[in-house]
Protein backbone atom coordinates (compact mmCIF):
# COMPACT_ATOMS: atom_id res chain seq x y z
CA MET A 1 -0.12 -6.68 14.98
CA PHE A 2 -3.14 -4.97 13.43
CA GLY A 3 -3.44 -4.87 9.62
CA TRP A 4 -6.23 -4.45 7.09
CA GLU A 5 -5.22 -7.08 4.54
CA PHE A 6 -2.99 -10.11 4.22
CA PRO A 7 -2.03 -12.16 1.14
CA PRO A 8 -3.51 -13.56 -0.97
CA HIS A 9 -6.33 -11.01 -0.35
CA ILE A 10 -4.67 -7.67 -1.07
CA SER A 11 -5.56 -4.36 -2.73
CA GLY A 12 -2.07 -2.85 -2.78
CA GLY A 13 1.38 -2.91 -1.25
CA LEU A 14 0.29 -2.86 2.41
CA GLY A 15 -0.62 -6.55 2.61
CA THR A 16 2.49 -7.55 0.67
CA ALA A 17 4.71 -5.55 3.04
CA CYS A 18 3.05 -7.05 6.12
CA TYR A 19 3.62 -10.56 4.80
CA GLY A 20 7.33 -10.05 4.12
CA MET A 21 7.80 -8.23 7.41
CA THR A 22 6.19 -10.94 9.54
CA LYS A 23 8.28 -13.64 7.84
CA GLY A 24 11.42 -11.63 8.62
CA LEU A 25 10.35 -11.11 12.23
CA LEU A 26 9.79 -14.84 12.67
CA LYS A 27 13.48 -15.43 11.86
CA GLN A 28 14.33 -12.85 14.54
CA GLY A 29 12.48 -14.89 17.14
CA ALA A 30 9.26 -12.87 17.28
CA GLU A 31 5.83 -14.48 17.65
CA VAL A 32 3.24 -12.51 15.71
CA LEU A 33 -0.51 -12.53 16.24
CA PHE A 34 -1.81 -10.80 13.09
CA VAL A 35 -5.34 -9.35 13.25
CA VAL A 36 -7.34 -8.65 10.07
CA PRO A 37 -10.98 -7.47 9.80
CA LYS A 38 -11.94 -10.50 7.71
CA ALA A 39 -9.93 -13.71 7.34
CA TYR A 40 -10.69 -16.11 4.50
CA GLY A 41 -8.89 -19.19 5.79
CA ASP A 42 -6.36 -19.46 2.97
CA GLU A 43 -3.78 -17.04 4.39
CA ASP A 44 -0.22 -18.31 4.82
CA GLN A 45 0.09 -18.81 8.60
CA ARG A 46 3.60 -20.26 8.70
CA ALA A 47 5.02 -16.97 9.99
CA VAL A 48 1.97 -15.62 11.84
CA ARG A 49 -1.20 -16.66 13.55
CA ILE A 50 -4.14 -14.93 11.88
CA VAL A 51 -6.96 -13.61 14.08
CA ASN A 52 -10.25 -12.90 12.31
CA ALA A 53 -11.79 -9.74 13.81
CA SER A 54 -15.20 -10.88 12.53
CA ASP A 55 -15.02 -13.79 15.01
CA VAL A 56 -14.23 -11.63 18.05
CA SER A 57 -17.05 -10.85 20.47
CA VAL A 58 -17.16 -7.46 22.17
CA ASN A 59 -18.57 -6.90 25.65
CA ILE A 60 -21.00 -4.09 24.90
CA GLN A 61 -21.28 -3.25 28.62
CA ASP A 62 -17.56 -2.57 28.87
CA SER A 63 -16.49 1.04 29.44
CA GLU A 64 -13.97 0.78 26.59
CA PHE A 65 -16.84 -0.09 24.24
CA PHE A 66 -18.70 3.11 25.06
CA GLN A 67 -15.58 5.23 24.67
CA PHE A 68 -14.95 4.00 21.12
CA ALA A 69 -18.61 3.55 20.19
CA LYS A 70 -18.89 7.34 20.34
CA ASN A 71 -16.61 7.44 17.30
CA LEU A 72 -19.11 5.50 15.21
CA THR A 73 -21.42 8.49 14.88
CA TYR A 74 -18.45 10.80 14.27
CA MET A 75 -17.07 8.51 11.57
CA GLU A 76 -20.46 8.19 9.86
CA ILE A 77 -20.04 11.78 8.63
CA GLY A 78 -17.16 10.81 6.36
CA SER A 79 -18.35 7.33 5.43
CA ASN A 80 -18.89 8.19 1.75
CA LEU A 81 -15.16 8.62 1.29
CA ILE A 82 -13.90 5.47 -0.38
CA PRO A 83 -10.20 5.19 -1.22
CA TYR A 84 -9.03 3.33 -4.32
CA LEU A 85 -12.42 3.15 -6.16
CA ASP A 86 -13.43 4.59 -9.51
CA PRO A 87 -16.86 6.30 -9.91
CA GLU A 88 -18.61 3.23 -11.35
CA GLU A 89 -17.42 1.00 -8.51
CA PHE A 90 -18.50 3.70 -6.04
CA LYS A 91 -22.05 3.80 -7.47
CA LYS A 92 -22.33 0.02 -7.29
CA ILE A 93 -21.18 -0.15 -3.68
CA THR A 94 -23.42 2.77 -2.70
CA ARG A 95 -26.49 1.02 -4.18
CA GLU A 96 -25.64 -2.23 -2.42
CA THR A 97 -24.95 -0.51 0.89
CA LYS A 98 -28.24 1.43 0.92
CA LEU A 99 -30.11 -1.88 0.92
CA GLN A 100 -28.13 -3.03 3.96
CA LYS A 101 -28.06 0.25 5.87
CA GLU A 102 -30.61 -0.56 8.58
CA LEU A 103 -29.14 -4.01 9.13
CA ARG A 104 -25.68 -2.51 9.51
CA LYS A 105 -26.80 0.13 11.99
CA LYS A 106 -28.06 -2.64 14.25
CA SER A 107 -25.15 -5.03 13.77
CA VAL A 108 -22.37 -2.48 14.25
CA PHE A 109 -23.38 -2.21 17.92
CA ALA A 110 -23.91 -5.96 18.33
CA LYS A 111 -21.66 -8.30 20.32
CA LYS A 112 -20.30 -9.70 17.06
CA PHE A 113 -19.90 -7.93 13.74
CA GLU A 114 -19.13 -9.30 10.28
CA PHE A 115 -16.49 -7.06 8.69
CA SER A 116 -16.44 -6.77 4.93
CA GLY A 117 -12.67 -6.32 5.05
CA LYS A 118 -12.94 -4.12 1.95
CA TYR A 119 -12.55 -0.45 1.13
CA GLY A 120 -16.32 0.05 0.88
CA GLU A 121 -18.81 2.76 1.77
CA ASN A 122 -18.95 1.64 5.41
CA LEU A 123 -15.14 1.75 5.72
CA MET A 124 -15.19 4.46 8.39
CA GLU A 125 -17.67 2.51 10.52
CA GLU A 126 -15.49 -0.57 10.23
CA VAL A 127 -12.45 1.41 11.36
CA SER A 128 -14.26 2.40 14.56
CA ARG A 129 -15.69 -1.07 15.10
CA TYR A 130 -12.18 -2.46 14.61
CA ALA A 131 -11.12 -0.35 17.60
CA LEU A 132 -13.64 -2.19 19.76
CA VAL A 133 -12.17 -5.47 18.61
CA GLY A 134 -8.68 -4.14 19.40
CA GLY A 135 -9.71 -3.62 23.01
CA ALA A 136 -11.34 -7.05 23.23
CA ILE A 137 -8.26 -8.81 21.79
CA ALA A 138 -6.00 -6.95 24.22
CA GLU A 139 -8.01 -8.44 27.10
CA GLU A 140 -8.02 -11.97 25.67
CA TYR A 141 -4.44 -12.54 24.47
CA ASP A 142 -1.01 -12.34 26.08
CA PHE A 143 1.53 -10.17 24.22
CA ASP A 144 4.44 -7.78 24.80
CA LEU A 145 3.87 -5.07 22.22
CA ILE A 146 1.29 -3.70 19.76
CA HIS A 147 2.15 -2.87 16.13
CA ALA A 148 -0.49 -1.11 13.98
CA HIS A 149 -0.22 -0.57 10.21
CA ASP A 150 -1.63 2.60 8.60
CA TRP A 151 -4.57 4.75 9.69
CA LEU A 152 -7.21 2.05 9.27
CA THR A 153 -5.82 0.23 12.32
CA TYR A 154 -4.68 3.09 14.56
CA TYR A 155 -7.86 3.24 16.66
CA ALA A 156 -7.53 -0.52 17.27
CA GLY A 157 -3.92 -0.01 18.36
CA ILE A 158 -4.89 2.84 20.71
CA ALA A 159 -7.69 0.75 22.24
CA ALA A 160 -5.36 -2.21 22.76
CA LYS A 161 -2.81 0.07 24.44
CA LYS A 162 -5.41 1.58 26.78
CA VAL A 163 -6.70 -1.85 27.81
CA SER A 164 -3.30 -3.53 28.20
CA GLY A 165 -0.88 -0.73 29.02
CA LYS A 166 1.58 -2.27 26.54
CA PRO A 167 3.73 -0.08 24.22
CA LEU A 168 2.33 0.84 20.81
CA VAL A 169 4.30 1.08 17.55
CA VAL A 170 2.52 2.57 14.52
CA HIS A 171 3.82 1.98 11.01
CA ILE A 172 3.39 4.71 8.39
CA HIS A 173 3.15 3.18 4.91
CA ALA A 174 1.44 6.30 3.47
CA THR A 175 -0.05 9.53 4.79
CA GLU A 176 -3.13 11.45 3.73
CA PHE A 177 -0.79 14.01 2.11
CA ASP A 178 0.59 11.26 -0.15
CA ARG A 179 -2.89 10.15 -1.20
CA THR A 180 -4.48 13.54 -1.82
CA GLY A 181 -1.79 16.22 -1.92
CA GLU A 182 -2.86 19.24 0.11
CA ASN A 183 -6.61 18.45 -0.18
CA VAL A 184 -6.53 16.22 2.88
CA ASN A 185 -9.57 14.56 4.36
CA THR A 186 -9.69 15.94 7.89
CA PHE A 187 -11.21 12.76 9.38
CA VAL A 188 -8.37 10.60 8.10
CA TYR A 189 -5.76 13.20 9.06
CA GLU A 190 -7.07 13.32 12.65
CA ILE A 191 -6.98 9.51 12.92
CA GLU A 192 -3.41 9.46 11.60
CA LYS A 193 -2.33 12.17 14.04
CA ALA A 194 -4.09 10.50 16.98
CA GLY A 195 -2.32 7.23 16.22
CA MET A 196 1.10 8.87 15.96
CA MET A 197 0.60 10.92 19.12
CA ALA A 198 -0.49 7.85 21.10
CA ALA A 199 2.37 5.71 19.79
CA ASP A 200 5.56 5.10 21.73
CA ARG A 201 7.43 4.75 18.43
CA VAL A 202 6.53 5.66 14.84
CA ILE A 203 8.13 3.67 12.00
CA ALA A 204 8.26 5.46 8.62
CA VAL A 205 8.99 3.53 5.42
CA SER A 206 11.38 6.23 4.13
CA ASN A 207 13.11 9.45 5.17
CA LEU A 208 10.66 11.23 2.84
CA THR A 209 7.76 9.93 4.94
CA ARG A 210 9.59 10.60 8.21
CA ASN A 211 9.89 14.28 7.26
CA VAL A 212 6.15 14.46 6.46
CA VAL A 213 5.32 12.89 9.85
CA ILE A 214 7.46 15.44 11.69
CA GLU A 215 6.53 18.54 9.67
CA LYS A 216 2.84 17.93 8.84
CA TYR A 217 1.74 16.11 12.00
CA GLY A 218 4.00 17.74 14.58
CA ILE A 219 5.41 14.48 15.90
CA ASP A 220 8.54 14.50 18.08
CA PRO A 221 11.50 13.59 15.79
CA ASN A 222 13.04 11.52 18.58
CA LYS A 223 10.29 8.91 18.38
CA VAL A 224 10.16 8.62 14.55
CA VAL A 225 12.52 6.08 12.95
CA THR A 226 12.98 5.06 9.32
CA VAL A 227 12.94 1.40 8.26
CA HIS A 228 12.94 1.02 4.49
CA ASN A 229 10.67 -1.60 2.95
CA ALA A 230 12.09 -4.65 1.19
CA ILE A 231 10.93 -7.45 -1.07
CA GLU A 232 10.58 -11.21 -0.95
CA PRO A 233 13.12 -13.02 -3.15
CA VAL A 234 11.18 -15.13 -5.64
CA ASP A 235 12.66 -17.37 -8.31
CA LYS A 236 10.15 -17.89 -11.14
CA PRO A 237 12.07 -19.02 -14.22
CA GLU A 238 8.83 -20.10 -15.94
CA VAL A 239 7.57 -16.50 -15.84
CA LEU A 240 10.75 -15.16 -17.44
CA ASN A 241 10.24 -17.49 -20.42
CA ILE A 242 6.90 -15.93 -21.44
CA LYS A 243 6.94 -14.79 -25.07
CA LYS A 244 5.31 -11.59 -26.29
CA ALA A 245 2.55 -11.85 -28.87
CA VAL A 246 3.40 -8.42 -30.28
CA LYS A 247 6.57 -7.21 -31.99
CA GLU A 248 6.64 -3.78 -30.33
CA LYS A 249 8.52 -2.83 -27.17
CA ILE A 250 6.31 -2.60 -24.05
CA VAL A 251 6.47 0.17 -21.42
CA THR A 252 4.41 -0.46 -18.28
CA PHE A 253 2.76 1.55 -15.49
CA LEU A 254 1.40 -0.63 -12.67
CA GLY A 255 -0.40 0.81 -9.66
CA ARG A 256 -3.56 2.51 -8.48
CA ILE A 257 -4.78 5.01 -11.06
CA THR A 258 -5.06 7.87 -8.58
CA PHE A 259 -3.57 11.32 -8.04
CA GLN A 260 -0.76 9.92 -5.89
CA LYS A 261 0.60 7.64 -8.63
CA GLY A 262 0.85 10.29 -11.37
CA PRO A 263 -0.86 8.34 -14.20
CA GLU A 264 -1.43 11.47 -16.29
CA TYR A 265 2.34 12.04 -16.55
CA PHE A 266 2.76 8.50 -17.89
CA ILE A 267 0.21 9.20 -20.64
CA GLU A 268 1.82 12.51 -21.62
CA THR A 269 5.19 10.75 -21.76
CA ALA A 270 3.69 8.01 -23.97
CA TYR A 271 2.46 10.68 -26.38
CA LYS A 272 5.96 12.20 -26.58
CA ILE A 273 7.56 8.83 -27.37
CA LEU A 274 4.93 7.88 -29.95
CA GLN A 275 5.59 11.08 -31.89
CA LYS A 276 9.09 9.72 -32.56
CA ASP A 277 8.65 5.94 -32.47
CA ARG A 278 5.43 4.00 -33.20
CA ASN A 279 7.15 0.71 -32.42
CA VAL A 280 6.18 0.95 -28.74
CA ARG A 281 3.11 -0.11 -26.76
CA PHE A 282 2.20 1.42 -23.40
CA VAL A 283 0.31 -0.50 -20.71
CA MET A 284 -1.51 1.02 -17.73
CA ALA A 285 -2.31 -1.77 -15.26
CA GLY A 286 -4.53 -0.94 -12.30
CA SER A 287 -7.80 0.68 -11.30
CA GLY A 288 -8.76 3.83 -9.44
CA ASP A 289 -10.78 7.03 -9.44
CA MET A 290 -8.84 8.56 -12.37
CA LEU A 291 -9.27 5.59 -14.73
CA ASN A 292 -12.10 7.02 -16.84
CA ARG A 293 -10.31 10.37 -17.15
CA MET A 294 -7.13 8.61 -18.30
CA ILE A 295 -9.05 6.63 -20.93
CA ARG A 296 -10.55 9.86 -22.27
CA ARG A 297 -7.12 11.51 -22.38
CA VAL A 298 -5.64 8.61 -24.39
CA ALA A 299 -8.54 8.97 -26.85
CA GLN A 300 -8.01 12.74 -27.13
CA LEU A 301 -4.33 12.22 -27.93
CA LYS A 302 -5.27 9.59 -30.57
CA ILE A 303 -2.83 7.00 -29.20
CA ALA A 304 -5.39 4.33 -28.25
CA ASP A 305 -3.98 1.91 -30.86
CA ARG A 306 -0.72 1.88 -28.88
CA PHE A 307 -2.13 2.13 -25.35
CA HIS A 308 -3.71 -0.64 -23.24
CA PHE A 309 -5.66 -0.62 -19.97
CA THR A 310 -5.61 -4.01 -18.21
CA GLY A 311 -7.59 -3.28 -15.06
CA PHE A 312 -6.37 -4.42 -11.63
CA LEU A 313 -3.77 -7.21 -11.69
CA ARG A 314 -2.73 -9.44 -8.81
CA GLY A 315 -0.51 -12.41 -8.09
CA GLU A 316 0.86 -14.28 -11.06
CA ALA A 317 -0.69 -11.79 -13.52
CA VAL A 318 1.66 -9.09 -12.16
CA ASP A 319 4.73 -11.27 -12.74
CA GLN A 320 3.50 -12.08 -16.26
CA MET A 321 3.01 -8.39 -17.05
CA PHE A 322 6.57 -7.61 -15.93
CA ALA A 323 7.91 -10.55 -17.97
CA LEU A 324 6.37 -8.93 -21.07
CA SER A 325 7.72 -5.46 -20.25
CA ASP A 326 10.85 -3.78 -21.58
CA VAL A 327 10.65 -0.77 -19.22
CA PHE A 328 8.72 -0.03 -16.02
CA VAL A 329 7.85 3.56 -15.07
CA MET A 330 6.65 4.82 -11.65
CA PRO A 331 5.91 8.57 -12.00
CA SER A 332 4.42 8.94 -8.50
CA VAL A 333 3.70 12.45 -7.28
CA SER A 334 4.27 11.33 -3.69
CA GLU A 335 5.30 7.75 -2.94
CA PRO A 336 6.23 6.92 0.68
CA PHE A 337 8.22 3.94 -0.56
CA GLY A 338 7.04 1.99 -3.63
CA LEU A 339 7.45 -1.80 -3.76
CA VAL A 340 6.43 -2.19 -7.42
CA PRO A 341 9.80 -1.08 -8.91
CA LEU A 342 11.50 -3.76 -6.80
CA GLU A 343 9.08 -6.36 -8.18
CA ALA A 344 9.90 -5.20 -11.71
CA MET A 345 13.66 -5.33 -11.13
CA ARG A 346 13.27 -8.82 -9.66
CA THR A 347 11.77 -9.85 -13.02
CA ASN A 348 14.69 -8.34 -15.00
CA VAL A 349 12.95 -5.11 -16.03
CA PRO A 350 14.87 -1.77 -15.97
CA VAL A 351 12.95 0.87 -14.01
CA ILE A 352 12.40 4.62 -14.00
CA VAL A 353 11.17 6.06 -10.67
CA SER A 354 10.21 9.54 -9.55
CA LYS A 355 12.59 11.40 -7.27
CA GLN A 356 9.54 11.98 -5.06
CA SER A 357 9.52 8.32 -3.91
CA GLY A 358 11.03 6.62 -0.88
CA VAL A 359 12.40 3.77 -2.97
CA ALA A 360 14.65 6.31 -4.75
CA GLU A 361 16.53 6.61 -1.43
CA VAL A 362 17.72 2.99 -1.58
CA LEU A 363 18.06 2.26 -5.31
CA LYS A 364 21.26 2.98 -7.22
CA HIS A 365 20.51 1.13 -10.44
CA ALA A 366 17.29 2.88 -11.40
CA ILE A 367 16.82 6.05 -13.44
CA LYS A 368 15.39 8.82 -11.22
CA VAL A 369 13.36 11.69 -12.72
CA ASP A 370 11.07 14.34 -11.23
CA PHE A 371 7.46 13.15 -11.60
CA TRP A 372 6.50 16.28 -13.56
CA ASP A 373 9.43 16.05 -15.98
CA VAL A 374 7.72 14.47 -19.00
CA GLU A 375 10.65 15.33 -21.28
CA GLY A 376 13.17 13.76 -18.92
CA THR A 377 11.08 10.60 -18.50
CA ALA A 378 10.67 10.32 -22.28
CA ASP A 379 14.44 10.63 -22.72
CA ALA A 380 15.00 7.88 -20.14
CA ILE A 381 12.49 5.54 -21.80
CA TRP A 382 13.99 6.25 -25.23
CA GLY A 383 17.47 5.42 -23.98
CA LEU A 384 16.42 2.12 -22.37
CA LEU A 385 14.47 1.08 -25.48
CA HIS A 386 17.10 2.01 -28.08
CA TYR A 387 20.46 1.34 -26.38
CA LYS A 388 20.72 -2.34 -25.57
CA SER A 389 23.88 -2.07 -23.48
CA LEU A 390 22.26 0.59 -21.26
CA SER A 391 19.20 -1.59 -20.70
CA GLN A 392 21.30 -4.68 -20.00
CA MET A 393 23.41 -2.80 -17.46
CA PHE A 394 20.34 -1.73 -15.48
CA ILE A 395 18.87 -5.25 -15.69
CA LYS A 396 22.04 -6.97 -14.45
CA TYR A 397 22.95 -4.64 -11.59
CA GLY A 398 19.32 -3.89 -10.75
CA ARG A 399 18.62 -7.58 -10.17
CA GLU A 400 21.70 -7.91 -7.95
CA GLU A 401 20.68 -4.82 -5.99
CA VAL A 402 17.09 -5.88 -5.40
CA ASP A 403 18.23 -9.34 -4.28
CA SER A 404 20.09 -7.63 -1.43
CA LEU A 405 17.00 -5.68 -0.23
CA LYS A 406 15.53 -8.47 1.92
CA TRP A 407 12.86 -8.30 4.62
CA ASP A 408 15.27 -10.18 6.89
CA SER A 409 17.40 -7.02 7.10
CA ALA A 410 14.40 -4.73 7.67
CA ALA A 411 13.15 -7.11 10.40
CA VAL A 412 16.42 -6.67 12.32
CA HIS A 413 15.75 -2.91 12.55
CA ILE A 414 12.09 -3.44 13.55
CA MET A 415 13.12 -5.97 16.19
CA ASN A 416 15.54 -3.40 17.64
CA VAL A 417 12.62 -0.97 17.98
CA TYR A 418 10.62 -3.71 19.74
CA ARG A 419 13.42 -4.47 22.20
CA GLU A 420 13.85 -0.80 23.02
CA MET A 421 10.12 -0.43 23.68
CA VAL A 422 9.76 -3.57 25.79
CA SER A 423 12.84 -2.85 27.88
């Protein structure tokens, strides 16, 4: 299995999903060798064996090396495209990378290569180098099947398939259309399409994503299956006992502050609510390329005294934020699935999700609104804040519902795909 991150070192939902999935697969009798660009040594290896791609040597005389090394020059063209970073972070990484550029040009073609494992300026080079490692690992280890997660790992999956002849499953957690709308990056799109075309099976995290794969990438519907994401059951009574230091109700947005997540709609909704009720505070937790623009918009609307930006939260800080929240809102423009609402519901928070999200396909006890419907979202927030019985109903049945959405069930479906491929 090829991934790009694994807990506790995560930047979003991909690493969290991989962790829950591998634990579920272990119970189904699978043995998982999980490859990451950079391992830190503190990953939970009870369900998987972690392979650090930075430790893998590549035979630079091998024909597979030359085939994928050609991509390094091709990928260099788009190397300034950095997902998930705001402009200030981009400038910092660019300055740092310029100092290392010559060193990197030499090392990327060396027998061994130290991956950063981050979404940095040399991300595209690392994707291509990761493919070389994929081929090397396929020669070294014994396995039955290859499973690659998202576009960052598809070249590695293709290389491993070419070397071993074993079946390839690619997992679509998000597409370039989700991240950018119609302004797709052609380099990323071509990698995604190449991975899906080479795969023997494509797993989509929702029917919404499955339709995008079929319609936008031209993939045969017969080889695309839907397996909805799930969530790890966690009992943290100490988190639920956290007391707020403010008297106002708290409405939370948690996610990357990018086009895909619809942060501007959350701010416009906050403005609507605050015109009627000043006894509410809004929190935007996360970072991303739209952060500075969102801060300016809050200032323009003169609601900064009731609006808070926390920056990126991880681990226990996420649970604490939910424990302080009265409502969680996910106004995503295009969300292949969306694990965060499940995390909120697990912490007894009623949720509002956009109809344009995969998680809306599986949730019954969540309020669903079109991402662009600011009035409708404001009405939903108002109702949950002002009608206690309504809020309590969503909390009670939402918690019961999310407790039934386990990775063990999702793993059964994935294991069926594996068996079909291997047989």
